[in-house]
Amino acid sequence: MANRIPNSLSWPSVPSVEVGPTLDYLHRLAQIAGKYTLDQVYEPNWWNISLAATGRGFTTPTLRQDYAIFRVDYDLIDGQVTIAANTGRATLLLHPGSVAGFYSEFVSAAESIGLAAPGTTIEPEIADAPGFDSDTEDRPYEQDVARWAAGAFASASVALTAWQAVYRGHRPRVGIMWGGFDLSATRYRGRSIVPAEGAPMFQRNGMTEEVVAVGFVLGDDDTAAYFYGYISPSPTDIIEAELGVMGASYDAAGGLFKLPWDAVQQAPDPHNAVVQFADDIWRAAVDLGAWDGDLVIDRHDGWYAGHQPMFDSAP
């Protein structure tokens, strides 16, 4: 039997330094590769643009630009970004500096293997953010913070994938939404809704169907990391939802269920704590919002089916 990964590695404690500046910097740098996903075929609810958590950071989906097929991988353990394509491979380092400086390095690396720059430099998802090429503010890059982010995203992704797997309805893959830099798992009901008027385009496209969503936010120096969940539209009696995980609560002002990262990290079984938190939100959607409970099957690992013989071996 393989050795288990220690809890301190798979569910790491938040570093005892300022995390906000490095996480904000990473958020902006992640958008650079994320913009390539907007060159691909448009999909409702943005689910072709999310970044996958890798255990060492995150990576784009497989992308195409003319005859080039490529992806962009952010390795937060070794502190580097690799553009891997059928036309070649280019690597650049993650380091303190400005977004504009990194963007210039990125574009040069992409051009060296025949890729054009991302289609836009704007950052509409971050309030008052300048474009990549004009964001010259010097920013820190703390390696310990980046490594914590990699571990947190990875473990959160595994837990949310386990929750998501049993849903028979439309359920895009668990991924990091680079616009908000949060990890998200969503279950769609199949009923269209009209997004709020006046909301920006990226929000309107993300809210065109009834949804149960659970996710994870890295936080900053003012807000500790936490898991969140919501039901949209929200049942009128949502405050009555039962939550069985220690530390979980409902924030009526924000319209979110919340579970602090620290509460998960200190739980006897952090993985199951996240799955139970998400299951509780789903149960609230069924009990209070009349969602179809039969859309969820029993939870098994892959060998539940994999141990069954494909052919009859009897003579």
C-alpha atoms as a PDB file:
ATOM      1  CA  MET A   1       0.000   0.000   0.000  1.00  0.00           C
ATOM      2  CA  ALA A   2       1.390   3.419  -0.938  1.00  0.00           C
ATOM      3  CA  ASN A   3       2.430   5.780   1.834  1.00  0.00           C
ATOM      4  CA  ARG A   4      -0.153   8.455   2.614  1.00  0.00           C
ATOM      5  CA  ILE A   5       0.786  12.071   1.975  1.00  0.00           C
ATOM      6  CA  PRO A   6       1.082  13.853   5.346  1.00  0.00           C
ATOM      7  CA  ASN A   7      -1.804  16.172   6.206  1.00  0.00           C
ATOM      8  CA  SER A   8       0.592  19.133   6.549  1.00  0.00           C
ATOM      9  CA  LEU A   9       1.461  18.796   2.851  1.00  0.00           C
ATOM     10  CA  SER A  10      -1.938  17.958   1.399  1.00  0.00           C
ATOM     11  CA  TRP A  11      -3.847  20.466   3.572  1.00  0.00           C
ATOM     12  CA  PRO A  12      -1.111  22.988   4.406  1.00  0.00           C
ATOM     13  CA  SER A  13      -1.370  25.761   6.984  1.00  0.00           C
ATOM     14  CA  VAL A  14      -1.509  29.327   5.698  1.00  0.00           C
ATOM     15  CA  PRO A  15       2.006  30.861   5.868  1.00  0.00           C
ATOM     16  CA  SER A  16       2.640  33.255   8.744  1.00  0.00           C
ATOM     17  CA  VAL A  17       3.520  36.133   6.418  1.00  0.00           C
ATOM     18  CA  GLU A  18       1.476  38.589   4.387  1.00  0.00           C
ATOM     19  CA  VAL A  19      -0.223  36.500   1.707  1.00  0.00           C
ATOM     20  CA  GLY A  20      -2.298  39.178  -0.006  1.00  0.00           C
ATOM     21  CA  PRO A  21       0.358  40.847  -2.193  1.00  0.00           C
ATOM     22  CA  THR A  22       1.694  37.578  -3.642  1.00  0.00           C
ATOM     23  CA  LEU A  23      -1.790  36.148  -4.233  1.00  0.00           C
ATOM     24  CA  ASP A  24      -2.870  39.363  -5.956  1.00  0.00           C
ATOM     25  CA  TYR A  25       0.224  39.212  -8.162  1.00  0.00           C
ATOM     26  CA  LEU A  26      -0.444  35.555  -9.031  1.00  0.00           C
ATOM     27  CA  HIS A  27      -4.055  36.398  -9.842  1.00  0.00           C
ATOM     28  CA  ARG A  28      -2.924  38.971 -12.394  1.00  0.00           C
ATOM     29  CA  LEU A  29      -0.259  36.692 -13.869  1.00  0.00           C
ATOM     30  CA  ALA A  30      -2.737  33.801 -14.184  1.00  0.00           C
ATOM     31  CA  GLN A  31      -4.958  36.006 -16.325  1.00  0.00           C
ATOM     32  CA  ILE A  32      -2.236  36.351 -18.954  1.00  0.00           C
ATOM     33  CA  ALA A  33      -2.482  32.707 -20.010  1.00  0.00           C
ATOM     34  CA  GLY A  34      -6.181  32.694 -19.174  1.00  0.00           C
ATOM     35  CA  LYS A  35      -6.846  35.229 -21.933  1.00  0.00           C
ATOM     36  CA  TYR A  36      -5.846  32.606 -24.513  1.00  0.00           C
ATOM     37  CA  THR A  37      -8.963  30.633 -23.559  1.00  0.00           C
ATOM     38  CA  LEU A  38     -11.107  33.492 -24.870  1.00  0.00           C
ATOM     39  CA  ASP A  39      -9.685  32.849 -28.354  1.00  0.00           C
ATOM     40  CA  GLN A  40     -11.339  29.428 -28.304  1.00  0.00           C
ATOM     41  CA  VAL A  41     -14.956  28.509 -29.096  1.00  0.00           C
ATOM     42  CA  TYR A  42     -17.407  30.416 -26.895  1.00  0.00           C
ATOM     43  CA  GLU A  43     -19.312  28.351 -24.336  1.00  0.00           C
ATOM     44  CA  PRO A  44     -22.144  29.361 -22.008  1.00  0.00           C
ATOM     45  CA  ASN A  45     -21.199  29.879 -18.360  1.00  0.00           C
ATOM     46  CA  TRP A  46     -17.457  30.150 -19.243  1.00  0.00           C
ATOM     47  CA  TRP A  47     -16.739  26.493 -18.525  1.00  0.00           C
ATOM     48  CA  ASN A  48     -14.182  26.112 -21.295  1.00  0.00           C
ATOM     49  CA  ILE A  49     -11.934  28.781 -19.747  1.00  0.00           C
ATOM     50  CA  SER A  50     -11.219  27.368 -16.289  1.00  0.00           C
ATOM     51  CA  LEU A  51      -7.704  26.397 -15.218  1.00  0.00           C
ATOM     52  CA  ALA A  52      -7.056  22.930 -13.784  1.00  0.00           C
ATOM     53  CA  ALA A  53      -5.297  22.503 -10.439  1.00  0.00           C
ATOM     54  CA  THR A  54      -2.274  20.261 -10.975  1.00  0.00           C
ATOM     55  CA  GLY A  55      -0.719  19.658  -7.553  1.00  0.00           C
ATOM     56  CA  ARG A  56       2.111  22.021  -8.469  1.00  0.00           C
ATOM     57  CA  GLY A  57      -0.090  24.967  -9.383  1.00  0.00           C
ATOM     58  CA  PHE A  58      -2.465  25.200 -12.321  1.00  0.00           C
ATOM     59  CA  THR A  59      -2.623  24.838 -16.077  1.00  0.00           C
ATOM     60  CA  THR A  60      -4.779  25.993 -18.972  1.00  0.00           C
ATOM     61  CA  PRO A  61      -6.880  23.595 -21.044  1.00  0.00           C
ATOM     62  CA  THR A  62      -5.312  22.422 -24.296  1.00  0.00           C
ATOM     63  CA  LEU A  63      -5.538  25.422 -26.630  1.00  0.00           C
ATOM     64  CA  ARG A  64      -5.226  26.002 -30.350  1.00  0.00           C
ATOM     65  CA  GLN A  65      -3.870  28.943 -32.325  1.00  0.00           C
ATOM     66  CA  ASP A  66      -3.777  28.330 -36.067  1.00  0.00           C
ATOM     67  CA  TYR A  67      -1.695  25.140 -36.374  1.00  0.00           C
ATOM     68  CA  ALA A  68      -0.183  25.387 -32.887  1.00  0.00           C
ATOM     69  CA  ILE A  69      -1.659  23.256 -30.087  1.00  0.00           C
ATOM     70  CA  PHE A  70      -0.447  24.262 -26.650  1.00  0.00           C
ATOM     71  CA  ARG A  71      -1.083  24.751 -22.950  1.00  0.00           C
ATOM     72  CA  VAL A  72       0.416  27.058 -20.318  1.00  0.00           C
ATOM     73  CA  ASP A  73       1.488  25.513 -17.012  1.00  0.00           C
ATOM     74  CA  TYR A  74       2.116  27.537 -13.835  1.00  0.00           C
ATOM     75  CA  ASP A  75       4.429  25.555 -11.534  1.00  0.00           C
ATOM     76  CA  LEU A  76       4.231  27.298  -8.146  1.00  0.00           C
ATOM     77  CA  ILE A  77       6.497  24.739  -6.480  1.00  0.00           C
ATOM     78  CA  ASP A  78       9.528  25.471  -8.663  1.00  0.00           C
ATOM     79  CA  GLY A  79       8.398  29.002  -9.491  1.00  0.00           C
ATOM     80  CA  GLN A  80       8.193  28.834 -13.263  1.00  0.00           C
ATOM     81  CA  VAL A  81       5.749  29.048 -16.155  1.00  0.00           C
ATOM     82  CA  THR A  82       6.075  26.727 -19.148  1.00  0.00           C
ATOM     83  CA  ILE A  83       4.399  27.158 -22.512  1.00  0.00           C
ATOM     84  CA  ALA A  84       4.327  23.662 -24.026  1.00  0.00           C
ATOM     85  CA  ALA A  85       3.301  23.381 -27.681  1.00  0.00           C
ATOM     86  CA  ASN A  86       3.696  21.112 -30.684  1.00  0.00           C
ATOM     87  CA  THR A  87       5.876  23.927 -32.040  1.00  0.00           C
ATOM     88  CA  GLY A  88       8.276  23.926 -29.088  1.00  0.00           C
ATOM     89  CA  ARG A  89       8.608  24.654 -25.394  1.00  0.00           C
ATOM     90  CA  ALA A  90       9.487  27.879 -23.556  1.00  0.00           C
ATOM     91  CA  THR A  91       9.962  28.458 -19.828  1.00  0.00           C
ATOM     92  CA  LEU A  92      10.179  31.641 -17.784  1.00  0.00           C
ATOM     93  CA  LEU A  93      10.595  32.237 -14.046  1.00  0.00           C
ATOM     94  CA  LEU A  94       8.087  33.572 -11.559  1.00  0.00           C
ATOM     95  CA  HIS A  95       9.773  36.344  -9.594  1.00  0.00           C
ATOM     96  CA  PRO A  96       9.148  39.703  -7.890  1.00  0.00           C
ATOM     97  CA  GLY A  97       8.511  42.545 -10.302  1.00  0.00           C
ATOM     98  CA  SER A  98       5.692  44.075 -12.284  1.00  0.00           C
ATOM     99  CA  VAL A  99       2.883  42.534 -14.286  1.00  0.00           C
ATOM    100  CA  ALA A 100       4.076  44.557 -17.286  1.00  0.00           C
ATOM    101  CA  GLY A 101       7.583  43.105 -16.954  1.00  0.00           C
ATOM    102  CA  PHE A 102       6.330  39.535 -16.716  1.00  0.00           C
ATOM    103  CA  TYR A 103       3.913  40.105 -19.604  1.00  0.00           C
ATOM    104  CA  SER A 104       6.790  41.290 -21.803  1.00  0.00           C
ATOM    105  CA  GLU A 105       8.797  38.171 -20.890  1.00  0.00           C
ATOM    106  CA  PHE A 106       5.771  35.967 -21.540  1.00  0.00           C
ATOM    107  CA  VAL A 107       5.062  37.436 -24.965  1.00  0.00           C
ATOM    108  CA  SER A 108       8.714  37.028 -25.971  1.00  0.00           C
ATOM    109  CA  ALA A 109       8.689  33.396 -24.798  1.00  0.00           C
ATOM    110  CA  ALA A 110       5.467  32.698 -26.702  1.00  0.00           C
ATOM    111  CA  GLU A 111       6.787  34.323 -29.866  1.00  0.00           C
ATOM    112  CA  SER A 112       9.947  32.198 -29.658  1.00  0.00           C
ATOM    113  CA  ILE A 113       7.817  29.087 -30.333  1.00  0.00           C
ATOM    114  CA  GLY A 114       5.537  30.708 -32.900  1.00  0.00           C
ATOM    115  CA  LEU A 115       2.629  31.813 -30.708  1.00  0.00           C
ATOM    116  CA  ALA A 116       1.057  35.245 -30.837  1.00  0.00           C
ATOM    117  CA  ALA A 117       0.397  37.268 -27.684  1.00  0.00           C
ATOM    118  CA  PRO A 118      -2.953  36.844 -25.922  1.00  0.00           C
ATOM    119  CA  GLY A 119      -5.757  38.639 -27.734  1.00  0.00           C
ATOM    120  CA  THR A 120      -6.224  41.342 -25.095  1.00  0.00           C
ATOM    121  CA  THR A 121      -4.315  43.009 -22.259  1.00  0.00           C
ATOM    122  CA  ILE A 122      -7.324  44.279 -20.311  1.00  0.00           C
ATOM    123  CA  GLU A 123      -8.218  43.008 -16.823  1.00  0.00           C
ATOM    124  CA  PRO A 124     -11.946  43.777 -16.454  1.00  0.00           C
ATOM    125  CA  GLU A 125     -12.403  41.248 -13.632  1.00  0.00           C
ATOM    126  CA  ILE A 126     -10.119  43.202 -11.250  1.00  0.00           C
ATOM    127  CA  ALA A 127     -11.406  46.593 -10.121  1.00  0.00           C
ATOM    128  CA  ASP A 128      -9.412  49.538 -11.483  1.00  0.00           C
ATOM    129  CA  ALA A 129      -6.705  47.243 -12.881  1.00  0.00           C
ATOM    130  CA  PRO A 130      -4.585  48.604 -15.737  1.00  0.00           C
ATOM    131  CA  GLY A 131      -3.779  46.462 -18.759  1.00  0.00           C
ATOM    132  CA  PHE A 132      -0.989  43.902 -18.509  1.00  0.00           C
ATOM    133  CA  ASP A 133       1.404  46.036 -20.504  1.00  0.00           C
ATOM    134  CA  SER A 134       0.860  49.158 -18.396  1.00  0.00           C
ATOM    135  CA  ASP A 135       0.747  47.586 -14.913  1.00  0.00           C
ATOM    136  CA  THR A 136       4.216  48.712 -13.811  1.00  0.00           C
ATOM    137  CA  GLU A 137       3.717  48.523 -10.032  1.00  0.00           C
ATOM    138  CA  ASP A 138       6.509  46.570  -8.341  1.00  0.00           C
ATOM    139  CA  ARG A 139       5.048  43.502  -6.607  1.00  0.00           C
ATOM    140  CA  PRO A 140       6.536  40.903  -4.232  1.00  0.00           C
ATOM    141  CA  TYR A 141       6.590  37.178  -4.911  1.00  0.00           C
ATOM    142  CA  GLU A 142       6.843  35.028  -1.766  1.00  0.00           C
ATOM    143  CA  GLN A 143       7.655  31.448  -2.727  1.00  0.00           C
ATOM    144  CA  ASP A 144       6.117  30.027   0.468  1.00  0.00           C
ATOM    145  CA  VAL A 145       2.823  31.736  -0.290  1.00  0.00           C
ATOM    146  CA  ALA A 146       2.817  30.458  -3.869  1.00  0.00           C
ATOM    147  CA  ARG A 147       3.552  26.921  -2.688  1.00  0.00           C
ATOM    148  CA  TRP A 148       0.739  27.124  -0.137  1.00  0.00           C
ATOM    149  CA  ALA A 149      -1.638  28.244  -2.894  1.00  0.00           C
ATOM    150  CA  ALA A 150      -0.613  25.242  -5.003  1.00  0.00           C
ATOM    151  CA  GLY A 151      -1.262  22.808  -2.146  1.00  0.00           C
ATOM    152  CA  ALA A 152      -4.541  24.442  -1.164  1.00  0.00           C
ATOM    153  CA  PHE A 153      -5.886  24.502  -4.724  1.00  0.00           C
ATOM    154  CA  ALA A 154      -4.837  20.886  -5.266  1.00  0.00           C
ATOM    155  CA  SER A 155      -6.466  19.433  -2.153  1.00  0.00           C
ATOM    156  CA  ALA A 156      -9.587  21.563  -2.556  1.00  0.00           C
ATOM    157  CA  SER A 157      -9.865  20.438  -6.187  1.00  0.00           C
ATOM    158  CA  VAL A 158      -9.667  16.749  -5.271  1.00  0.00           C
ATOM    159  CA  ALA A 159     -12.396  17.136  -2.632  1.00  0.00           C
ATOM    160  CA  LEU A 160     -14.688  19.175  -4.883  1.00  0.00           C
ATOM    161  CA  THR A 161     -14.174  16.706  -7.735  1.00  0.00           C
ATOM    162  CA  ALA A 162     -15.259  13.876  -5.433  1.00  0.00           C
ATOM    163  CA  TRP A 163     -18.396  15.853  -4.596  1.00  0.00           C
ATOM    164  CA  GLN A 164     -19.071  16.733  -8.223  1.00  0.00           C
ATOM    165  CA  ALA A 165     -18.536  13.236  -9.642  1.00  0.00           C
ATOM    166  CA  VAL A 166     -21.881  11.775  -8.541  1.00  0.00           C
ATOM    167  CA  TYR A 167     -24.039  14.423 -10.245  1.00  0.00           C
ATOM    168  CA  ARG A 168     -25.845  13.179 -13.369  1.00  0.00           C
ATOM    169  CA  GLY A 169     -26.793  16.617 -14.669  1.00  0.00           C
ATOM    170  CA  HIS A 170     -24.655  19.235 -16.394  1.00  0.00           C
ATOM    171  CA  ARG A 171     -21.498  19.589 -14.303  1.00  0.00           C
ATOM    172  CA  PRO A 172     -18.465  21.237 -15.885  1.00  0.00           C
ATOM    173  CA  ARG A 173     -15.081  20.115 -14.613  1.00  0.00           C
ATOM    174  CA  VAL A 174     -13.827  21.593 -11.360  1.00  0.00           C
ATOM    175  CA  GLY A 175     -11.474  24.437 -12.163  1.00  0.00           C
ATOM    176  CA  ILE A 176      -9.985  27.784 -11.236  1.00  0.00           C
ATOM    177  CA  MET A 177     -11.936  30.680 -12.679  1.00  0.00           C
ATOM    178  CA  TRP A 178      -9.025  32.974 -13.489  1.00  0.00           C
ATOM    179  CA  GLY A 179     -11.246  36.059 -13.548  1.00  0.00           C
ATOM    180  CA  GLY A 180     -11.879  35.850  -9.812  1.00  0.00           C
ATOM    181  CA  PHE A 181      -9.032  33.396  -9.056  1.00  0.00           C
ATOM    182  CA  ASP A 182     -11.356  31.053  -7.168  1.00  0.00           C
ATOM    183  CA  LEU A 183     -11.807  27.308  -7.499  1.00  0.00           C
ATOM    184  CA  SER A 184     -15.349  26.387  -8.500  1.00  0.00           C
ATOM    185  CA  ALA A 185     -17.554  23.296  -8.789  1.00  0.00           C
ATOM    186  CA  THR A 186     -21.065  23.774 -10.159  1.00  0.00           C
ATOM    187  CA  ARG A 187     -24.194  21.722 -10.692  1.00  0.00           C
ATOM    188  CA  TYR A 188     -26.693  23.104 -13.199  1.00  0.00           C
ATOM    189  CA  ARG A 189     -30.404  22.381 -13.019  1.00  0.00           C
ATOM    190  CA  GLY A 190     -31.126  22.883 -16.706  1.00  0.00           C
ATOM    191  CA  ARG A 191     -33.472  25.828 -16.178  1.00  0.00           C
ATOM    192  CA  SER A 192     -32.568  29.176 -17.704  1.00  0.00           C
ATOM    193  CA  ILE A 193     -32.724  32.375 -15.695  1.00  0.00           C
ATOM    194  CA  VAL A 194     -32.271  36.002 -16.712  1.00  0.00           C
ATOM    195  CA  PRO A 195     -29.126  37.545 -15.169  1.00  0.00           C
ATOM    196  CA  ALA A 196     -29.420  40.858 -13.351  1.00  0.00           C
ATOM    197  CA  GLU A 197     -29.543  43.877 -15.621  1.00  0.00           C
ATOM    198  CA  GLY A 198     -26.474  46.068 -15.585  1.00  0.00           C
ATOM    199  CA  ALA A 199     -24.112  43.294 -14.509  1.00  0.00           C
ATOM    200  CA  PRO A 200     -20.859  43.056 -16.497  1.00  0.00           C
ATOM    201  CA  MET A 201     -20.702  40.581 -19.365  1.00  0.00           C
ATOM    202  CA  PHE A 202     -18.569  38.006 -17.568  1.00  0.00           C
ATOM    203  CA  GLN A 203     -21.059  37.874 -14.683  1.00  0.00           C
ATOM    204  CA  ARG A 204     -24.119  37.702 -16.950  1.00  0.00           C
ATOM    205  CA  ASN A 205     -22.651  34.781 -18.903  1.00  0.00           C
ATOM    206  CA  GLY A 206     -21.882  32.946 -15.669  1.00  0.00           C
ATOM    207  CA  MET A 207     -25.403  33.238 -14.282  1.00  0.00           C
ATOM    208  CA  THR A 208     -27.738  32.143 -17.082  1.00  0.00           C
ATOM    209  CA  GLU A 209     -28.977  28.941 -15.397  1.00  0.00           C
ATOM    210  CA  GLU A 210     -30.162  27.838 -11.977  1.00  0.00           C
ATOM    211  CA  VAL A 211     -27.125  26.505 -10.157  1.00  0.00           C
ATOM    212  CA  VAL A 212     -25.705  25.029  -6.986  1.00  0.00           C
ATOM    213  CA  ALA A 213     -22.082  26.100  -6.674  1.00  0.00           C
ATOM    214  CA  VAL A 214     -19.348  25.257  -4.193  1.00  0.00           C
ATOM    215  CA  GLY A 215     -15.835  26.638  -4.345  1.00  0.00           C
ATOM    216  CA  PHE A 216     -12.703  27.838  -2.607  1.00  0.00           C
ATOM    217  CA  VAL A 217     -11.138  31.277  -2.224  1.00  0.00           C
ATOM    218  CA  LEU A 218      -7.493  31.794  -1.237  1.00  0.00           C
ATOM    219  CA  GLY A 219      -8.317  35.019   0.611  1.00  0.00           C
ATOM    220  CA  ASP A 220      -5.930  37.851   1.402  1.00  0.00           C
ATOM    221  CA  ASP A 221      -4.597  39.718   4.432  1.00  0.00           C
ATOM    222  CA  ASP A 222      -8.082  40.952   5.372  1.00  0.00           C
ATOM    223  CA  THR A 223     -10.084  37.820   4.588  1.00  0.00           C
ATOM    224  CA  ALA A 224      -8.937  34.333   5.589  1.00  0.00           C
ATOM    225  CA  ALA A 225      -9.153  31.521   3.019  1.00  0.00           C
ATOM    226  CA  TYR A 226     -12.509  29.759   2.948  1.00  0.00           C
ATOM    227  CA  PHE A 227     -14.803  27.402   1.081  1.00  0.00           C
ATOM    228  CA  TYR A 228     -18.081  28.880  -0.111  1.00  0.00           C
ATOM    229  CA  GLY A 229     -21.365  27.691  -1.510  1.00  0.00           C
ATOM    230  CA  TYR A 230     -24.570  29.171  -2.833  1.00  0.00           C
ATOM    231  CA  ILE A 231     -27.842  28.266  -4.515  1.00  0.00           C
ATOM    232  CA  SER A 232     -29.119  30.524  -7.285  1.00  0.00           C
ATOM    233  CA  PRO A 233     -31.909  31.502  -7.149  1.00  0.00           C
ATOM    234  CA  SER A 234     -31.700  31.196  -3.380  1.00  0.00           C
ATOM    235  CA  PRO A 235     -34.614  29.507  -1.571  1.00  0.00           C
ATOM    236  CA  THR A 236     -36.492  31.984   0.600  1.00  0.00           C
ATOM    237  CA  ASP A 237     -35.919  29.898   3.750  1.00  0.00           C
ATOM    238  CA  ILE A 238     -32.232  29.180   3.061  1.00  0.00           C
ATOM    239  CA  ILE A 239     -31.321  30.248   6.598  1.00  0.00           C
ATOM    240  CA  GLU A 240     -32.911  26.962   7.776  1.00  0.00           C
ATOM    241  CA  ALA A 241     -30.336  24.840   5.941  1.00  0.00           C
ATOM    242  CA  GLU A 242     -28.657  22.305   8.212  1.00  0.00           C
ATOM    243  CA  LEU A 243     -24.843  22.298   8.226  1.00  0.00           C
ATOM    244  CA  GLY A 244     -23.077  19.372   9.855  1.00  0.00           C
ATOM    245  CA  VAL A 245     -19.420  20.416   9.536  1.00  0.00           C
ATOM    246  CA  MET A 246     -17.740  22.167  12.449  1.00  0.00           C
ATOM    247  CA  GLY A 247     -17.088  25.810  11.554  1.00  0.00           C
ATOM    248  CA  ALA A 248     -19.586  25.980   8.672  1.00  0.00           C
ATOM    249  CA  SER A 249     -22.121  28.808   8.693  1.00  0.00           C
ATOM    250  CA  TYR A 250     -24.447  30.821   6.481  1.00  0.00           C
ATOM    251  CA  ASP A 251     -23.590  34.467   5.820  1.00  0.00           C
ATOM    252  CA  ALA A 252     -26.993  36.046   5.204  1.00  0.00           C
ATOM    253  CA  ALA A 253     -25.507  39.405   4.198  1.00  0.00           C
ATOM    254  CA  GLY A 254     -23.345  37.854   1.481  1.00  0.00           C
ATOM    255  CA  GLY A 255     -25.783  35.082   0.556  1.00  0.00           C
ATOM    256  CA  LEU A 256     -23.029  32.473   0.973  1.00  0.00           C
ATOM    257  CA  PHE A 257     -22.419  29.337   2.967  1.00  0.00           C
ATOM    258  CA  LYS A 258     -18.868  29.505   4.337  1.00  0.00           C
ATOM    259  CA  LEU A 259     -16.363  27.070   5.782  1.00  0.00           C
ATOM    260  CA  PRO A 260     -12.972  28.497   6.829  1.00  0.00           C
ATOM    261  CA  TRP A 261      -9.825  26.841   5.474  1.00  0.00           C
ATOM    262  CA  ASP A 262      -8.453  26.602   9.020  1.00  0.00           C
ATOM    263  CA  ALA A 263     -11.537  24.654  10.151  1.00  0.00           C
ATOM    264  CA  VAL A 264     -11.050  22.191   7.292  1.00  0.00           C
ATOM    265  CA  GLN A 265      -7.317  21.909   7.864  1.00  0.00           C
ATOM    266  CA  GLN A 266      -7.900  21.054  11.542  1.00  0.00           C
ATOM    267  CA  ALA A 267     -10.706  18.551  10.911  1.00  0.00           C
ATOM    268  CA  PRO A 268      -9.974  14.841  11.549  1.00  0.00           C
ATOM    269  CA  ASP A 269     -10.588  14.183   7.827  1.00  0.00           C
ATOM    270  CA  PRO A 270     -10.298  17.448   5.849  1.00  0.00           C
ATOM    271  CA  HIS A 271     -11.275  15.857   2.526  1.00  0.00           C
ATOM    272  CA  ASN A 272     -14.518  14.439   3.891  1.00  0.00           C
ATOM    273  CA  ALA A 273     -15.267  17.686   5.723  1.00  0.00           C
ATOM    274  CA  VAL A 274     -15.295  19.553   2.395  1.00  0.00           C
ATOM    275  CA  VAL A 275     -17.395  16.866   0.692  1.00  0.00           C
ATOM    276  CA  GLN A 276     -19.894  16.906   3.568  1.00  0.00           C
ATOM    277  CA  PHE A 277     -20.069  20.726   3.481  1.00  0.00           C
ATOM    278  CA  ALA A 278     -20.869  20.590  -0.220  1.00  0.00           C
ATOM    279  CA  ASP A 279     -23.356  17.739   0.288  1.00  0.00           C
ATOM    280  CA  ASP A 280     -25.152  19.822   2.940  1.00  0.00           C
ATOM    281  CA  ILE A 281     -25.573  22.672   0.452  1.00  0.00           C
ATOM    282  CA  TRP A 282     -26.895  20.244  -2.158  1.00  0.00           C
ATOM    283  CA  ARG A 283     -29.334  18.834   0.378  1.00  0.00           C
ATOM    284  CA  ALA A 284     -30.556  22.382   1.051  1.00  0.00           C
ATOM    285  CA  ALA A 285     -31.195  22.820  -2.678  1.00  0.00           C
ATOM    286  CA  VAL A 286     -33.245  19.596  -2.703  1.00  0.00           C
ATOM    287  CA  ASP A 287     -35.147  20.174   0.532  1.00  0.00           C
ATOM    288  CA  LEU A 288     -35.666  23.934   0.316  1.00  0.00           C
ATOM    289  CA  GLY A 289     -35.366  24.646  -3.414  1.00  0.00           C
ATOM    290  CA  ALA A 290     -37.148  21.582  -4.836  1.00  0.00           C
ATOM    291  CA  TRP A 291     -34.151  20.376  -6.846  1.00  0.00           C
ATOM    292  CA  ASP A 292     -34.329  16.755  -8.052  1.00  0.00           C
ATOM    293  CA  GLY A 293     -32.481  14.594  -5.529  1.00  0.00           C
ATOM    294  CA  ASP A 294     -32.385  11.710  -8.018  1.00  0.00           C
ATOM    295  CA  LEU A 295     -29.778  13.636 -10.026  1.00  0.00           C
ATOM    296  CA  VAL A 296     -27.176  12.327  -7.551  1.00  0.00           C
ATOM    297  CA  ILE A 297     -26.047   8.693  -7.584  1.00  0.00           C
ATOM    298  CA  ASP A 298     -24.269   6.761  -4.826  1.00  0.00           C
ATOM    299  CA  ARG A 299     -20.624   7.690  -4.341  1.00  0.00           C
ATOM    300  CA  HIS A 300     -18.034   5.002  -5.234  1.00  0.00           C
ATOM    301  CA  ASP A 301     -14.423   4.948  -6.303  1.00  0.00           C
ATOM    302  CA  GLY A 302     -13.566   3.990  -9.866  1.00  0.00           C
ATOM    303  CA  TRP A 303     -12.912   0.339  -9.046  1.00  0.00           C
ATOM    304  CA  TYR A 304     -16.601  -0.125  -8.222  1.00  0.00           C
ATOM    305  CA  ALA A 305     -17.031  -0.688 -11.957  1.00  0.00           C
ATOM    306  CA  GLY A 306     -13.423  -1.461 -12.827  1.00  0.00           C
ATOM    307  CA  HIS A 307     -13.422  -4.756 -10.916  1.00  0.00           C
ATOM    308  CA  GLN A 308     -16.252  -6.126 -13.050  1.00  0.00           C
ATOM    309  CA  PRO A 309     -15.106  -8.443 -15.861  1.00  0.00           C
ATOM    310  CA  MET A 310     -15.656  -7.185 -19.367  1.00  0.00           C
ATOM    311  CA  PHE A 311     -16.047 -10.643 -20.882  1.00  0.00           C
ATOM    312  CA  ASP A 312     -17.408 -13.925 -19.663  1.00  0.00           C
ATOM    313  CA  SER A 313     -14.318 -16.074 -19.076  1.00  0.00           C
ATOM    314  CA  ALA A 314     -16.293 -19.285 -18.682  1.00  0.00           C
ATOM    315  CA  PRO A 315     -15.469 -21.950 -21.318  1.00  0.00           C
END
